[in-house]
Amino acid sequence: KDSYYTRKKKHKLFCKRAGIEPTIGHLKSDFRLGRNFYKGVFGDVVNLLLAAAAYNFKRAMRVLWLLVEKICGTLFSCNIPQMSTF
């Protein structure tokens, strides 16, 4: 039987893994990490680095897009009353 400390340590590791698993799943499905087409251990490293770079680039572009939307929203949200022609 595990001690209280060991159980808490295992629980913390399980929670950390549960947070990482969706990221790995997205890398496999969206960034072609499921099958490696490069040869050898060096090919494995290259494939992993390319997938991670694409994932990080997509995240950075998303943050940049949200920032542009926020800036445009504040610039063009001036509530100027329209003057009627009548």
Protein backbone atom coordinates (compact mmCIF):
# COMPACT_ATOMS: atom_id res chain seq x y z
CA LYS A 1 0.00 0.00 0.00
CA ASP A 2 1.24 3.46 -0.90
CA SER A 3 1.79 6.15 1.67
CA TYR A 4 -0.17 9.38 1.70
CA TYR A 5 2.79 11.24 0.18
CA THR A 6 3.13 8.72 -2.66
CA ARG A 7 -0.59 8.85 -3.44
CA LYS A 8 -0.52 12.66 -3.58
CA LYS A 9 2.57 12.59 -5.80
CA LYS A 10 0.93 10.09 -8.19
CA HIS A 11 -2.27 12.16 -8.25
CA LYS A 12 -0.29 15.27 -9.18
CA LEU A 13 1.43 13.39 -12.02
CA PHE A 14 -1.90 12.04 -13.29
CA CYS A 15 -3.37 15.55 -13.32
CA LYS A 16 -0.35 16.86 -15.22
CA ARG A 17 -0.66 14.07 -17.77
CA ALA A 18 -4.39 14.73 -18.17
CA GLY A 19 -3.52 18.30 -19.13
CA ILE A 20 -0.89 17.25 -21.66
CA GLU A 21 -2.86 14.48 -23.41
CA PRO A 22 -5.19 16.81 -25.39
CA THR A 23 -2.19 18.71 -26.73
CA ILE A 24 -0.54 15.50 -27.89
CA GLY A 25 -3.82 14.41 -29.48
CA HIS A 26 -4.07 17.68 -31.42
CA LEU A 27 -0.45 17.37 -32.52
CA LYS A 28 -1.16 13.86 -33.80
CA SER A 29 -4.34 14.74 -35.66
CA ASP A 30 -3.72 18.30 -36.85
CA PHE A 31 0.04 18.45 -37.36
CA ARG A 32 0.80 14.98 -38.78
CA LEU A 33 2.62 13.69 -35.73
CA GLY A 34 0.87 10.32 -35.92
CA ARG A 35 3.14 8.87 -38.60
CA ASN A 36 6.78 9.72 -39.16
CA PHE A 37 8.00 9.78 -42.77
CA TYR A 38 11.62 10.63 -41.95
CA LYS A 39 14.35 8.06 -41.43
CA GLY A 40 16.07 7.27 -38.14
CA VAL A 41 16.26 8.98 -34.79
CA PHE A 42 17.23 12.27 -36.43
CA GLY A 43 14.06 12.04 -38.52
CA ASP A 44 12.03 11.55 -35.34
CA VAL A 45 13.54 14.70 -33.86
CA VAL A 46 12.95 16.70 -37.05
CA ASN A 47 9.33 15.53 -37.27
CA LEU A 48 8.67 16.43 -33.63
CA LEU A 49 10.31 19.85 -33.93
CA LEU A 50 8.37 20.70 -37.09
CA ALA A 51 5.08 19.68 -35.49
CA ALA A 52 5.84 21.66 -32.33
CA ALA A 53 6.88 24.71 -34.36
CA ALA A 54 3.66 24.57 -36.39
CA TYR A 55 1.60 24.22 -33.20
CA ASN A 56 3.33 27.20 -31.55
CA PHE A 57 3.05 29.26 -34.74
CA LYS A 58 -0.69 28.59 -34.89
CA ARG A 59 -1.06 29.65 -31.25
CA ALA A 60 0.96 32.83 -31.86
CA MET A 61 -1.13 33.70 -34.92
CA ARG A 62 -4.31 33.21 -32.88
CA VAL A 63 -3.06 35.59 -30.18
CA LEU A 64 -2.00 38.12 -32.81
CA TRP A 65 -5.39 37.88 -34.53
CA LEU A 66 -7.22 38.46 -31.23
CA LEU A 67 -5.00 41.48 -30.56
CA VAL A 68 -5.76 42.93 -34.02
CA GLU A 69 -9.48 42.36 -33.46
CA LYS A 70 -9.29 44.12 -30.10
CA ILE A 71 -7.40 47.10 -31.55
CA CYS A 72 -9.79 47.41 -34.50
CA GLY A 73 -12.74 47.10 -32.16
CA THR A 74 -11.55 49.98 -30.00
CA LEU A 75 -10.61 52.15 -32.98
CA PHE A 76 -13.88 51.74 -34.84
CA SER A 77 -16.30 51.54 -31.93
CA CYS A 78 -16.88 55.29 -31.75
CA ASN A 79 -20.58 55.80 -31.28
CA ILE A 80 -21.10 58.82 -33.51
CA PRO A 81 -24.79 59.59 -33.85
CA GLN A 82 -25.93 59.51 -37.44
CA MET A 83 -27.52 62.70 -38.67
CA SER A 84 -30.75 62.20 -40.48
CA THR A 85 -31.29 64.00 -43.75
CA PHE A 86 -34.90 64.85 -42.95
